[in-house]
PDBML (XML) file of the C-alpha atoms, coordinates in Angstrom:
<?xml version="1.0" encoding="UTF-8" ?>
<PDBx:datablock datablockName="MODEL"
   xmlns:PDBx="http://pdbml.pdb.org/schema/pdbx-v50.xsd"
   xmlns:xsi="http://www.w3.org/2001/XMLSchema-instance"
   xsi:schemaLocation="http://pdbml.pdb.org/schema/pdbx-v50.xsd pdbx-v50.xsd">
   <PDBx:atom_siteCategory>
      <PDBx:atom_site id="1">
         <PDBx:B_iso_or_equiv>0.00</PDBx:B_iso_or_equiv>
         <PDBx:Cartn_x>-0.001</PDBx:Cartn_x>
         <PDBx:Cartn_y>0.002</PDBx:Cartn_y>
         <PDBx:Cartn_z>0.000</PDBx:Cartn_z>
         <PDBx:auth_asym_id>A</PDBx:auth_asym_id>
         <PDBx:auth_atom_id>CA</PDBx:auth_atom_id>
         <PDBx:auth_comp_id>UNK</PDBx:auth_comp_id>
         <PDBx:auth_seq_id>1</PDBx:auth_seq_id>
         <PDBx:group_PDB>ATOM</PDBx:group_PDB>
         <PDBx:label_alt_id xsi:nil="true" />
         <PDBx:label_asym_id>A</PDBx:label_asym_id>
         <PDBx:label_atom_id>CA</PDBx:label_atom_id>
         <PDBx:label_comp_id>UNK</PDBx:label_comp_id>
         <PDBx:label_entity_id>1</PDBx:label_entity_id>
         <PDBx:label_seq_id>1</PDBx:label_seq_id>
         <PDBx:occupancy>1.00</PDBx:occupancy>
         <PDBx:pdbx_PDB_model_num>1</PDBx:pdbx_PDB_model_num>
         <PDBx:type_symbol>C</PDBx:type_symbol>
      </PDBx:atom_site>
      <PDBx:atom_site id="2">
         <PDBx:B_iso_or_equiv>0.00</PDBx:B_iso_or_equiv>
         <PDBx:Cartn_x>1.601</PDBx:Cartn_x>
         <PDBx:Cartn_y>3.223</PDBx:Cartn_y>
         <PDBx:Cartn_z>-1.194</PDBx:Cartn_z>
         <PDBx:auth_asym_id>A</PDBx:auth_asym_id>
         <PDBx:auth_atom_id>CA</PDBx:auth_atom_id>
         <PDBx:auth_comp_id>UNK</PDBx:auth_comp_id>
         <PDBx:auth_seq_id>2</PDBx:auth_seq_id>
         <PDBx:group_PDB>ATOM</PDBx:group_PDB>
         <PDBx:label_alt_id xsi:nil="true" />
         <PDBx:label_asym_id>A</PDBx:label_asym_id>
         <PDBx:label_atom_id>CA</PDBx:label_atom_id>
         <PDBx:label_comp_id>UNK</PDBx:label_comp_id>
         <PDBx:label_entity_id>1</PDBx:label_entity_id>
         <PDBx:label_seq_id>2</PDBx:label_seq_id>
         <PDBx:occupancy>1.00</PDBx:occupancy>
         <PDBx:pdbx_PDB_model_num>1</PDBx:pdbx_PDB_model_num>
         <PDBx:type_symbol>C</PDBx:type_symbol>
      </PDBx:atom_site>
      <PDBx:atom_site id="3">
         <PDBx:B_iso_or_equiv>0.00</PDBx:B_iso_or_equiv>
         <PDBx:Cartn_x>0.566</PDBx:Cartn_x>
         <PDBx:Cartn_y>5.724</PDBx:Cartn_y>
         <PDBx:Cartn_z>1.448</PDBx:Cartn_z>
         <PDBx:auth_asym_id>A</PDBx:auth_asym_id>
         <PDBx:auth_atom_id>CA</PDBx:auth_atom_id>
         <PDBx:auth_comp_id>UNK</PDBx:auth_comp_id>
         <PDBx:auth_seq_id>3</PDBx:auth_seq_id>
         <PDBx:group_PDB>ATOM</PDBx:group_PDB>
         <PDBx:label_alt_id xsi:nil="true" />
         <PDBx:label_asym_id>A</PDBx:label_asym_id>
         <PDBx:label_atom_id>CA</PDBx:label_atom_id>
         <PDBx:label_comp_id>UNK</PDBx:label_comp_id>
         <PDBx:label_entity_id>1</PDBx:label_entity_id>
         <PDBx:label_seq_id>3</PDBx:label_seq_id>
         <PDBx:occupancy>1.00</PDBx:occupancy>
         <PDBx:pdbx_PDB_model_num>1</PDBx:pdbx_PDB_model_num>
         <PDBx:type_symbol>C</PDBx:type_symbol>
      </PDBx:atom_site>
      <PDBx:atom_site id="4">
         <PDBx:B_iso_or_equiv>0.00</PDBx:B_iso_or_equiv>
         <PDBx:Cartn_x>0.080</PDBx:Cartn_x>
         <PDBx:Cartn_y>9.465</PDBx:Cartn_y>
         <PDBx:Cartn_z>1.400</PDBx:Cartn_z>
         <PDBx:auth_asym_id>A</PDBx:auth_asym_id>
         <PDBx:auth_atom_id>CA</PDBx:auth_atom_id>
         <PDBx:auth_comp_id>UNK</PDBx:auth_comp_id>
         <PDBx:auth_seq_id>4</PDBx:auth_seq_id>
         <PDBx:group_PDB>ATOM</PDBx:group_PDB>
         <PDBx:label_alt_id xsi:nil="true" />
         <PDBx:label_asym_id>A</PDBx:label_asym_id>
         <PDBx:label_atom_id>CA</PDBx:label_atom_id>
         <PDBx:label_comp_id>UNK</PDBx:label_comp_id>
         <PDBx:label_entity_id>1</PDBx:label_entity_id>
         <PDBx:label_seq_id>4</PDBx:label_seq_id>
         <PDBx:occupancy>1.00</PDBx:occupancy>
         <PDBx:pdbx_PDB_model_num>1</PDBx:pdbx_PDB_model_num>
         <PDBx:type_symbol>C</PDBx:type_symbol>
      </PDBx:atom_site>
      <PDBx:atom_site id="5">
         <PDBx:B_iso_or_equiv>0.00</PDBx:B_iso_or_equiv>
         <PDBx:Cartn_x>-3.443</PDBx:Cartn_x>
         <PDBx:Cartn_y>9.944</PDBx:Cartn_y>
         <PDBx:Cartn_z>0.043</PDBx:Cartn_z>
         <PDBx:auth_asym_id>A</PDBx:auth_asym_id>
         <PDBx:auth_atom_id>CA</PDBx:auth_atom_id>
         <PDBx:auth_comp_id>UNK</PDBx:auth_comp_id>
         <PDBx:auth_seq_id>5</PDBx:auth_seq_id>
         <PDBx:group_PDB>ATOM</PDBx:group_PDB>
         <PDBx:label_alt_id xsi:nil="true" />
         <PDBx:label_asym_id>A</PDBx:label_asym_id>
         <PDBx:label_atom_id>CA</PDBx:label_atom_id>
         <PDBx:label_comp_id>UNK</PDBx:label_comp_id>
         <PDBx:label_entity_id>1</PDBx:label_entity_id>
         <PDBx:label_seq_id>5</PDBx:label_seq_id>
         <PDBx:occupancy>1.00</PDBx:occupancy>
         <PDBx:pdbx_PDB_model_num>1</PDBx:pdbx_PDB_model_num>
         <PDBx:type_symbol>C</PDBx:type_symbol>
      </PDBx:atom_site>
      <PDBx:atom_site id="6">
         <PDBx:B_iso_or_equiv>0.00</PDBx:B_iso_or_equiv>
         <PDBx:Cartn_x>-6.362</PDBx:Cartn_x>
         <PDBx:Cartn_y>10.030</PDBx:Cartn_y>
         <PDBx:Cartn_z>2.478</PDBx:Cartn_z>
         <PDBx:auth_asym_id>A</PDBx:auth_asym_id>
         <PDBx:auth_atom_id>CA</PDBx:auth_atom_id>
         <PDBx:auth_comp_id>UNK</PDBx:auth_comp_id>
         <PDBx:auth_seq_id>6</PDBx:auth_seq_id>
         <PDBx:group_PDB>ATOM</PDBx:group_PDB>
         <PDBx:label_alt_id xsi:nil="true" />
         <PDBx:label_asym_id>A</PDBx:label_asym_id>
         <PDBx:label_atom_id>CA</PDBx:label_atom_id>
         <PDBx:label_comp_id>UNK</PDBx:label_comp_id>
         <PDBx:label_entity_id>1</PDBx:label_entity_id>
         <PDBx:label_seq_id>6</PDBx:label_seq_id>
         <PDBx:occupancy>1.00</PDBx:occupancy>
         <PDBx:pdbx_PDB_model_num>1</PDBx:pdbx_PDB_model_num>
         <PDBx:type_symbol>C</PDBx:type_symbol>
      </PDBx:atom_site>
      <PDBx:atom_site id="7">
         <PDBx:B_iso_or_equiv>0.00</PDBx:B_iso_or_equiv>
         <PDBx:Cartn_x>-9.996</PDBx:Cartn_x>
         <PDBx:Cartn_y>9.520</PDBx:Cartn_y>
         <PDBx:Cartn_z>1.473</PDBx:Cartn_z>
         <PDBx:auth_asym_id>A</PDBx:auth_asym_id>
         <PDBx:auth_atom_id>CA</PDBx:auth_atom_id>
         <PDBx:auth_comp_id>UNK</PDBx:auth_comp_id>
         <PDBx:auth_seq_id>7</PDBx:auth_seq_id>
         <PDBx:group_PDB>ATOM</PDBx:group_PDB>
         <PDBx:label_alt_id xsi:nil="true" />
         <PDBx:label_asym_id>A</PDBx:label_asym_id>
         <PDBx:label_atom_id>CA</PDBx:label_atom_id>
         <PDBx:label_comp_id>UNK</PDBx:label_comp_id>
         <PDBx:label_entity_id>1</PDBx:label_entity_id>
         <PDBx:label_seq_id>7</PDBx:label_seq_id>
         <PDBx:occupancy>1.00</PDBx:occupancy>
         <PDBx:pdbx_PDB_model_num>1</PDBx:pdbx_PDB_model_num>
         <PDBx:type_symbol>C</PDBx:type_symbol>
      </PDBx:atom_site>
      <PDBx:atom_site id="8">
         <PDBx:B_iso_or_equiv>0.00</PDBx:B_iso_or_equiv>
         <PDBx:Cartn_x>-12.396</PDBx:Cartn_x>
         <PDBx:Cartn_y>12.401</PDBx:Cartn_y>
         <PDBx:Cartn_z>2.141</PDBx:Cartn_z>
         <PDBx:auth_asym_id>A</PDBx:auth_asym_id>
         <PDBx:auth_atom_id>CA</PDBx:auth_atom_id>
         <PDBx:auth_comp_id>UNK</PDBx:auth_comp_id>
         <PDBx:auth_seq_id>8</PDBx:auth_seq_id>
         <PDBx:group_PDB>ATOM</PDBx:group_PDB>
         <PDBx:label_alt_id xsi:nil="true" />
         <PDBx:label_asym_id>A</PDBx:label_asym_id>
         <PDBx:label_atom_id>CA</PDBx:label_atom_id>
         <PDBx:label_comp_id>UNK</PDBx:label_comp_id>
         <PDBx:label_entity_id>1</PDBx:label_entity_id>
         <PDBx:label_seq_id>8</PDBx:label_seq_id>
         <PDBx:occupancy>1.00</PDBx:occupancy>
         <PDBx:pdbx_PDB_model_num>1</PDBx:pdbx_PDB_model_num>
         <PDBx:type_symbol>C</PDBx:type_symbol>
      </PDBx:atom_site>
      <PDBx:atom_site id="9">
         <PDBx:B_iso_or_equiv>0.00</PDBx:B_iso_or_equiv>
         <PDBx:Cartn_x>-16.005</PDBx:Cartn_x>
         <PDBx:Cartn_y>13.043</PDBx:Cartn_y>
         <PDBx:Cartn_z>1.082</PDBx:Cartn_z>
         <PDBx:auth_asym_id>A</PDBx:auth_asym_id>
         <PDBx:auth_atom_id>CA</PDBx:auth_atom_id>
         <PDBx:auth_comp_id>UNK</PDBx:auth_comp_id>
         <PDBx:auth_seq_id>9</PDBx:auth_seq_id>
         <PDBx:group_PDB>ATOM</PDBx:group_PDB>
         <PDBx:label_alt_id xsi:nil="true" />
         <PDBx:label_asym_id>A</PDBx:label_asym_id>
         <PDBx:label_atom_id>CA</PDBx:label_atom_id>
         <PDBx:label_comp_id>UNK</PDBx:label_comp_id>
         <PDBx:label_entity_id>1</PDBx:label_entity_id>
         <PDBx:label_seq_id>9</PDBx:label_seq_id>
         <PDBx:occupancy>1.00</PDBx:occupancy>
         <PDBx:pdbx_PDB_model_num>1</PDBx:pdbx_PDB_model_num>
         <PDBx:type_symbol>C</PDBx:type_symbol>
      </PDBx:atom_site>
      <PDBx:atom_site id="10">
         <PDBx:B_iso_or_equiv>0.00</PDBx:B_iso_or_equiv>
         <PDBx:Cartn_x>-16.589</PDBx:Cartn_x>
         <PDBx:Cartn_y>14.259</PDBx:Cartn_y>
         <PDBx:Cartn_z>-2.457</PDBx:Cartn_z>
         <PDBx:auth_asym_id>A</PDBx:auth_asym_id>
         <PDBx:auth_atom_id>CA</PDBx:auth_atom_id>
         <PDBx:auth_comp_id>UNK</PDBx:auth_comp_id>
         <PDBx:auth_seq_id>10</PDBx:auth_seq_id>
         <PDBx:group_PDB>ATOM</PDBx:group_PDB>
         <PDBx:label_alt_id xsi:nil="true" />
         <PDBx:label_asym_id>A</PDBx:label_asym_id>
         <PDBx:label_atom_id>CA</PDBx:label_atom_id>
         <PDBx:label_comp_id>UNK</PDBx:label_comp_id>
         <PDBx:label_entity_id>1</PDBx:label_entity_id>
         <PDBx:label_seq_id>10</PDBx:label_seq_id>
         <PDBx:occupancy>1.00</PDBx:occupancy>
         <PDBx:pdbx_PDB_model_num>1</PDBx:pdbx_PDB_model_num>
         <PDBx:type_symbol>C</PDBx:type_symbol>
      </PDBx:atom_site>
      <PDBx:atom_site id="11">
         <PDBx:B_iso_or_equiv>0.00</PDBx:B_iso_or_equiv>
         <PDBx:Cartn_x>-18.562</PDBx:Cartn_x>
         <PDBx:Cartn_y>17.460</PDBx:Cartn_y>
         <PDBx:Cartn_z>-2.659</PDBx:Cartn_z>
         <PDBx:auth_asym_id>A</PDBx:auth_asym_id>
         <PDBx:auth_atom_id>CA</PDBx:auth_atom_id>
         <PDBx:auth_comp_id>UNK</PDBx:auth_comp_id>
         <PDBx:auth_seq_id>11</PDBx:auth_seq_id>
         <PDBx:group_PDB>ATOM</PDBx:group_PDB>
         <PDBx:label_alt_id xsi:nil="true" />
         <PDBx:label_asym_id>A</PDBx:label_asym_id>
         <PDBx:label_atom_id>CA</PDBx:label_atom_id>
         <PDBx:label_comp_id>UNK</PDBx:label_comp_id>
         <PDBx:label_entity_id>1</PDBx:label_entity_id>
         <PDBx:label_seq_id>11</PDBx:label_seq_id>
         <PDBx:occupancy>1.00</PDBx:occupancy>
         <PDBx:pdbx_PDB_model_num>1</PDBx:pdbx_PDB_model_num>
         <PDBx:type_symbol>C</PDBx:type_symbol>
      </PDBx:atom_site>
      <PDBx:atom_site id="12">
         <PDBx:B_iso_or_equiv>0.00</PDBx:B_iso_or_equiv>
         <PDBx:Cartn_x>-21.920</PDBx:Cartn_x>
         <PDBx:Cartn_y>16.979</PDBx:Cartn_y>
         <PDBx:Cartn_z>-4.367</PDBx:Cartn_z>
         <PDBx:auth_asym_id>A</PDBx:auth_asym_id>
         <PDBx:auth_atom_id>CA</PDBx:auth_atom_id>
         <PDBx:auth_comp_id>UNK</PDBx:auth_comp_id>
         <PDBx:auth_seq_id>12</PDBx:auth_seq_id>
         <PDBx:group_PDB>ATOM</PDBx:group_PDB>
         <PDBx:label_alt_id xsi:nil="true" />
         <PDBx:label_asym_id>A</PDBx:label_asym_id>
         <PDBx:label_atom_id>CA</PDBx:label_atom_id>
         <PDBx:label_comp_id>UNK</PDBx:label_comp_id>
         <PDBx:label_entity_id>1</PDBx:label_entity_id>
         <PDBx:label_seq_id>12</PDBx:label_seq_id>
         <PDBx:occupancy>1.00</PDBx:occupancy>
         <PDBx:pdbx_PDB_model_num>1</PDBx:pdbx_PDB_model_num>
         <PDBx:type_symbol>C</PDBx:type_symbol>
      </PDBx:atom_site>
      <PDBx:atom_site id="13">
         <PDBx:B_iso_or_equiv>0.00</PDBx:B_iso_or_equiv>
         <PDBx:Cartn_x>-21.695</PDBx:Cartn_x>
         <PDBx:Cartn_y>17.554</PDBx:Cartn_y>
         <PDBx:Cartn_z>-8.087</PDBx:Cartn_z>
         <PDBx:auth_asym_id>A</PDBx:auth_asym_id>
         <PDBx:auth_atom_id>CA</PDBx:auth_atom_id>
         <PDBx:auth_comp_id>UNK</PDBx:auth_comp_id>
         <PDBx:auth_seq_id>13</PDBx:auth_seq_id>
         <PDBx:group_PDB>ATOM</PDBx:group_PDB>
         <PDBx:label_alt_id xsi:nil="true" />
         <PDBx:label_asym_id>A</PDBx:label_asym_id>
         <PDBx:label_atom_id>CA</PDBx:label_atom_id>
         <PDBx:label_comp_id>UNK</PDBx:label_comp_id>
         <PDBx:label_entity_id>1</PDBx:label_entity_id>
         <PDBx:label_seq_id>13</PDBx:label_seq_id>
         <PDBx:occupancy>1.00</PDBx:occupancy>
         <PDBx:pdbx_PDB_model_num>1</PDBx:pdbx_PDB_model_num>
         <PDBx:type_symbol>C</PDBx:type_symbol>
      </PDBx:atom_site>
      <PDBx:atom_site id="14">
         <PDBx:B_iso_or_equiv>0.00</PDBx:B_iso_or_equiv>
         <PDBx:Cartn_x>-17.916</PDBx:Cartn_x>
         <PDBx:Cartn_y>17.997</PDBx:Cartn_y>
         <PDBx:Cartn_z>-7.978</PDBx:Cartn_z>
         <PDBx:auth_asym_id>A</PDBx:auth_asym_id>
         <PDBx:auth_atom_id>CA</PDBx:auth_atom_id>
         <PDBx:auth_comp_id>UNK</PDBx:auth_comp_id>
         <PDBx:auth_seq_id>14</PDBx:auth_seq_id>
         <PDBx:group_PDB>ATOM</PDBx:group_PDB>
         <PDBx:label_alt_id xsi:nil="true" />
         <PDBx:label_asym_id>A</PDBx:label_asym_id>
         <PDBx:label_atom_id>CA</PDBx:label_atom_id>
         <PDBx:label_comp_id>UNK</PDBx:label_comp_id>
         <PDBx:label_entity_id>1</PDBx:label_entity_id>
         <PDBx:label_seq_id>14</PDBx:label_seq_id>
         <PDBx:occupancy>1.00</PDBx:occupancy>
         <PDBx:pdbx_PDB_model_num>1</PDBx:pdbx_PDB_model_num>
         <PDBx:type_symbol>C</PDBx:type_symbol>
      </PDBx:atom_site>
      <PDBx:atom_site id="15">
         <PDBx:B_iso_or_equiv>0.00</PDBx:B_iso_or_equiv>
         <PDBx:Cartn_x>-15.091</PDBx:Cartn_x>
         <PDBx:Cartn_y>16.112</PDBx:Cartn_y>
         <PDBx:Cartn_z>-9.646</PDBx:Cartn_z>
         <PDBx:auth_asym_id>A</PDBx:auth_asym_id>
         <PDBx:auth_atom_id>CA</PDBx:auth_atom_id>
         <PDBx:auth_comp_id>UNK</PDBx:auth_comp_id>
         <PDBx:auth_seq_id>15</PDBx:auth_seq_id>
         <PDBx:group_PDB>ATOM</PDBx:group_PDB>
         <PDBx:label_alt_id xsi:nil="true" />
         <PDBx:label_asym_id>A</PDBx:label_asym_id>
         <PDBx:label_atom_id>CA</PDBx:label_atom_id>
         <PDBx:label_comp_id>UNK</PDBx:label_comp_id>
         <PDBx:label_entity_id>1</PDBx:label_entity_id>
         <PDBx:label_seq_id>15</PDBx:label_seq_id>
         <PDBx:occupancy>1.00</PDBx:occupancy>
         <PDBx:pdbx_PDB_model_num>1</PDBx:pdbx_PDB_model_num>
         <PDBx:type_symbol>C</PDBx:type_symbol>
      </PDBx:atom_site>
      <PDBx:atom_site id="16">
         <PDBx:B_iso_or_equiv>0.00</PDBx:B_iso_or_equiv>
         <PDBx:Cartn_x>-12.222</PDBx:Cartn_x>
         <PDBx:Cartn_y>14.700</PDBx:Cartn_y>
         <PDBx:Cartn_z>-7.557</PDBx:Cartn_z>
         <PDBx:auth_asym_id>A</PDBx:auth_asym_id>
         <PDBx:auth_atom_id>CA</PDBx:auth_atom_id>
         <PDBx:auth_comp_id>UNK</PDBx:auth_comp_id>
         <PDBx:auth_seq_id>16</PDBx:auth_seq_id>
         <PDBx:group_PDB>ATOM</PDBx:group_PDB>
         <PDBx:label_alt_id xsi:nil="true" />
         <PDBx:label_asym_id>A</PDBx:label_asym_id>
         <PDBx:label_atom_id>CA</PDBx:label_atom_id>
         <PDBx:label_comp_id>UNK</PDBx:label_comp_id>
         <PDBx:label_entity_id>1</PDBx:label_entity_id>
         <PDBx:label_seq_id>16</PDBx:label_seq_id>
         <PDBx:occupancy>1.00</PDBx:occupancy>
         <PDBx:pdbx_PDB_model_num>1</PDBx:pdbx_PDB_model_num>
         <PDBx:type_symbol>C</PDBx:type_symbol>
      </PDBx:atom_site>
      <PDBx:atom_site id="17">
         <PDBx:B_iso_or_equiv>0.00</PDBx:B_iso_or_equiv>
         <PDBx:Cartn_x>-9.561</PDBx:Cartn_x>
         <PDBx:Cartn_y>17.324</PDBx:Cartn_y>
         <PDBx:Cartn_z>-6.931</PDBx:Cartn_z>
         <PDBx:auth_asym_id>A</PDBx:auth_asym_id>
         <PDBx:auth_atom_id>CA</PDBx:auth_atom_id>
         <PDBx:auth_comp_id>UNK</PDBx:auth_comp_id>
         <PDBx:auth_seq_id>17</PDBx:auth_seq_id>
         <PDBx:group_PDB>ATOM</PDBx:group_PDB>
         <PDBx:label_alt_id xsi:nil="true" />
         <PDBx:label_asym_id>A</PDBx:label_asym_id>
         <PDBx:label_atom_id>CA</PDBx:label_atom_id>
         <PDBx:label_comp_id>UNK</PDBx:label_comp_id>
         <PDBx:label_entity_id>1</PDBx:label_entity_id>
         <PDBx:label_seq_id>17</PDBx:label_seq_id>
         <PDBx:occupancy>1.00</PDBx:occupancy>
         <PDBx:pdbx_PDB_model_num>1</PDBx:pdbx_PDB_model_num>
         <PDBx:type_symbol>C</PDBx:type_symbol>
      </PDBx:atom_site>
      <PDBx:atom_site id="18">
         <PDBx:B_iso_or_equiv>0.00</PDBx:B_iso_or_equiv>
         <PDBx:Cartn_x>-6.647</PDBx:Cartn_x>
         <PDBx:Cartn_y>15.080</PDBx:Cartn_y>
         <PDBx:Cartn_z>-7.999</PDBx:Cartn_z>
         <PDBx:auth_asym_id>A</PDBx:auth_asym_id>
         <PDBx:auth_atom_id>CA</PDBx:auth_atom_id>
         <PDBx:auth_comp_id>UNK</PDBx:auth_comp_id>
         <PDBx:auth_seq_id>18</PDBx:auth_seq_id>
         <PDBx:group_PDB>ATOM</PDBx:group_PDB>
         <PDBx:label_alt_id xsi:nil="true" />
         <PDBx:label_asym_id>A</PDBx:label_asym_id>
         <PDBx:label_atom_id>CA</PDBx:label_atom_id>
         <PDBx:label_comp_id>UNK</PDBx:label_comp_id>
         <PDBx:label_entity_id>1</PDBx:label_entity_id>
         <PDBx:label_seq_id>18</PDBx:label_seq_id>
         <PDBx:occupancy>1.00</PDBx:occupancy>
         <PDBx:pdbx_PDB_model_num>1</PDBx:pdbx_PDB_model_num>
         <PDBx:type_symbol>C</PDBx:type_symbol>
      </PDBx:atom_site>
      <PDBx:atom_site id="19">
         <PDBx:B_iso_or_equiv>0.00</PDBx:B_iso_or_equiv>
         <PDBx:Cartn_x>-5.822</PDBx:Cartn_x>
         <PDBx:Cartn_y>13.845</PDBx:Cartn_y>
         <PDBx:Cartn_z>-11.515</PDBx:Cartn_z>
         <PDBx:auth_asym_id>A</PDBx:auth_asym_id>
         <PDBx:auth_atom_id>CA</PDBx:auth_atom_id>
         <PDBx:auth_comp_id>UNK</PDBx:auth_comp_id>
         <PDBx:auth_seq_id>19</PDBx:auth_seq_id>
         <PDBx:group_PDB>ATOM</PDBx:group_PDB>
         <PDBx:label_alt_id xsi:nil="true" />
         <PDBx:label_asym_id>A</PDBx:label_asym_id>
         <PDBx:label_atom_id>CA</PDBx:label_atom_id>
         <PDBx:label_comp_id>UNK</PDBx:label_comp_id>
         <PDBx:label_entity_id>1</PDBx:label_entity_id>
         <PDBx:label_seq_id>19</PDBx:label_seq_id>
         <PDBx:occupancy>1.00</PDBx:occupancy>
         <PDBx:pdbx_PDB_model_num>1</PDBx:pdbx_PDB_model_num>
         <PDBx:type_symbol>C</PDBx:type_symbol>
      </PDBx:atom_site>
      <PDBx:atom_site id="20">
         <PDBx:B_iso_or_equiv>0.00</PDBx:B_iso_or_equiv>
         <PDBx:Cartn_x>-9.049</PDBx:Cartn_x>
         <PDBx:Cartn_y>15.126</PDBx:Cartn_y>
         <PDBx:Cartn_z>-13.009</PDBx:Cartn_z>
         <PDBx:auth_asym_id>A</PDBx:auth_asym_id>
         <PDBx:auth_atom_id>CA</PDBx:auth_atom_id>
         <PDBx:auth_comp_id>UNK</PDBx:auth_comp_id>
         <PDBx:auth_seq_id>20</PDBx:auth_seq_id>
         <PDBx:group_PDB>ATOM</PDBx:group_PDB>
         <PDBx:label_alt_id xsi:nil="true" />
         <PDBx:label_asym_id>A</PDBx:label_asym_id>
         <PDBx:label_atom_id>CA</PDBx:label_atom_id>
         <PDBx:label_comp_id>UNK</PDBx:label_comp_id>
         <PDBx:label_entity_id>1</PDBx:label_entity_id>
         <PDBx:label_seq_id>20</PDBx:label_seq_id>
         <PDBx:occupancy>1.00</PDBx:occupancy>
         <PDBx:pdbx_PDB_model_num>1</PDBx:pdbx_PDB_model_num>
         <PDBx:type_symbol>C</PDBx:type_symbol>
      </PDBx:atom_site>
      <PDBx:atom_site id="21">
         <PDBx:B_iso_or_equiv>0.00</PDBx:B_iso_or_equiv>
         <PDBx:Cartn_x>-10.609</PDBx:Cartn_x>
         <PDBx:Cartn_y>13.185</PDBx:Cartn_y>
         <PDBx:Cartn_z>-15.895</PDBx:Cartn_z>
         <PDBx:auth_asym_id>A</PDBx:auth_asym_id>
         <PDBx:auth_atom_id>CA</PDBx:auth_atom_id>
         <PDBx:auth_comp_id>UNK</PDBx:auth_comp_id>
         <PDBx:auth_seq_id>21</PDBx:auth_seq_id>
         <PDBx:group_PDB>ATOM</PDBx:group_PDB>
         <PDBx:label_alt_id xsi:nil="true" />
         <PDBx:label_asym_id>A</PDBx:label_asym_id>
         <PDBx:label_atom_id>CA</PDBx:label_atom_id>
         <PDBx:label_comp_id>UNK</PDBx:label_comp_id>
         <PDBx:label_entity_id>1</PDBx:label_entity_id>
         <PDBx:label_seq_id>21</PDBx:label_seq_id>
         <PDBx:occupancy>1.00</PDBx:occupancy>
         <PDBx:pdbx_PDB_model_num>1</PDBx:pdbx_PDB_model_num>
         <PDBx:type_symbol>C</PDBx:type_symbol>
      </PDBx:atom_site>
      <PDBx:atom_site id="22">
         <PDBx:B_iso_or_equiv>0.00</PDBx:B_iso_or_equiv>
         <PDBx:Cartn_x>-8.406</PDBx:Cartn_x>
         <PDBx:Cartn_y>10.162</PDBx:Cartn_y>
         <PDBx:Cartn_z>-15.108</PDBx:Cartn_z>
         <PDBx:auth_asym_id>A</PDBx:auth_asym_id>
         <PDBx:auth_atom_id>CA</PDBx:auth_atom_id>
         <PDBx:auth_comp_id>UNK</PDBx:auth_comp_id>
         <PDBx:auth_seq_id>22</PDBx:auth_seq_id>
         <PDBx:group_PDB>ATOM</PDBx:group_PDB>
         <PDBx:label_alt_id xsi:nil="true" />
         <PDBx:label_asym_id>A</PDBx:label_asym_id>
         <PDBx:label_atom_id>CA</PDBx:label_atom_id>
         <PDBx:label_comp_id>UNK</PDBx:label_comp_id>
         <PDBx:label_entity_id>1</PDBx:label_entity_id>
         <PDBx:label_seq_id>22</PDBx:label_seq_id>
         <PDBx:occupancy>1.00</PDBx:occupancy>
         <PDBx:pdbx_PDB_model_num>1</PDBx:pdbx_PDB_model_num>
         <PDBx:type_symbol>C</PDBx:type_symbol>
      </PDBx:atom_site>
      <PDBx:atom_site id="23">
         <PDBx:B_iso_or_equiv>0.00</PDBx:B_iso_or_equiv>
         <PDBx:Cartn_x>-10.519</PDBx:Cartn_x>
         <PDBx:Cartn_y>8.390</PDBx:Cartn_y>
         <PDBx:Cartn_z>-12.464</PDBx:Cartn_z>
         <PDBx:auth_asym_id>A</PDBx:auth_asym_id>
         <PDBx:auth_atom_id>CA</PDBx:auth_atom_id>
         <PDBx:auth_comp_id>UNK</PDBx:auth_comp_id>
         <PDBx:auth_seq_id>23</PDBx:auth_seq_id>
         <PDBx:group_PDB>ATOM</PDBx:group_PDB>
         <PDBx:label_alt_id xsi:nil="true" />
         <PDBx:label_asym_id>A</PDBx:label_asym_id>
         <PDBx:label_atom_id>CA</PDBx:label_atom_id>
         <PDBx:label_comp_id>UNK</PDBx:label_comp_id>
         <PDBx:label_entity_id>1</PDBx:label_entity_id>
         <PDBx:label_seq_id>23</PDBx:label_seq_id>
         <PDBx:occupancy>1.00</PDBx:occupancy>
         <PDBx:pdbx_PDB_model_num>1</PDBx:pdbx_PDB_model_num>
         <PDBx:type_symbol>C</PDBx:type_symbol>
      </PDBx:atom_site>
      <PDBx:atom_site id="24">
         <PDBx:B_iso_or_equiv>0.00</PDBx:B_iso_or_equiv>
         <PDBx:Cartn_x>-14.055</PDBx:Cartn_x>
         <PDBx:Cartn_y>7.624</PDBx:Cartn_y>
         <PDBx:Cartn_z>-13.602</PDBx:Cartn_z>
         <PDBx:auth_asym_id>A</PDBx:auth_asym_id>
         <PDBx:auth_atom_id>CA</PDBx:auth_atom_id>
         <PDBx:auth_comp_id>UNK</PDBx:auth_comp_id>
         <PDBx:auth_seq_id>24</PDBx:auth_seq_id>
         <PDBx:group_PDB>ATOM</PDBx:group_PDB>
         <PDBx:label_alt_id xsi:nil="true" />
         <PDBx:label_asym_id>A</PDBx:label_asym_id>
         <PDBx:label_atom_id>CA</PDBx:label_atom_id>
         <PDBx:label_comp_id>UNK</PDBx:label_comp_id>
         <PDBx:label_entity_id>1</PDBx:label_entity_id>
         <PDBx:label_seq_id>24</PDBx:label_seq_id>
         <PDBx:occupancy>1.00</PDBx:occupancy>
         <PDBx:pdbx_PDB_model_num>1</PDBx:pdbx_PDB_model_num>
         <PDBx:type_symbol>C</PDBx:type_symbol>
      </PDBx:atom_site>
      <PDBx:atom_site id="25">
         <PDBx:B_iso_or_equiv>0.00</PDBx:B_iso_or_equiv>
         <PDBx:Cartn_x>-17.261</PDBx:Cartn_x>
         <PDBx:Cartn_y>7.424</PDBx:Cartn_y>
         <PDBx:Cartn_z>-11.577</PDBx:Cartn_z>
         <PDBx:auth_asym_id>A</PDBx:auth_asym_id>
         <PDBx:auth_atom_id>CA</PDBx:auth_atom_id>
         <PDBx:auth_comp_id>UNK</PDBx:auth_comp_id>
         <PDBx:auth_seq_id>25</PDBx:auth_seq_id>
         <PDBx:group_PDB>ATOM</PDBx:group_PDB>
         <PDBx:label_alt_id xsi:nil="true" />
         <PDBx:label_asym_id>A</PDBx:label_asym_id>
         <PDBx:label_atom_id>CA</PDBx:label_atom_id>
         <PDBx:label_comp_id>UNK</PDBx:label_comp_id>
         <PDBx:label_entity_id>1</PDBx:label_entity_id>
         <PDBx:label_seq_id>25</PDBx:label_seq_id>
         <PDBx:occupancy>1.00</PDBx:occupancy>
         <PDBx:pdbx_PDB_model_num>1</PDBx:pdbx_PDB_model_num>
         <PDBx:type_symbol>C</PDBx:type_symbol>
      </PDBx:atom_site>
   </PDBx:atom_siteCategory>
</PDBx:datablock>
């Protein structure tokens, strides 16, 4: 497990803030 990224809630209607358009749904 490569550590350093922590899961947080995704704001409604928003895209993830990291590597946009790379991770789908």
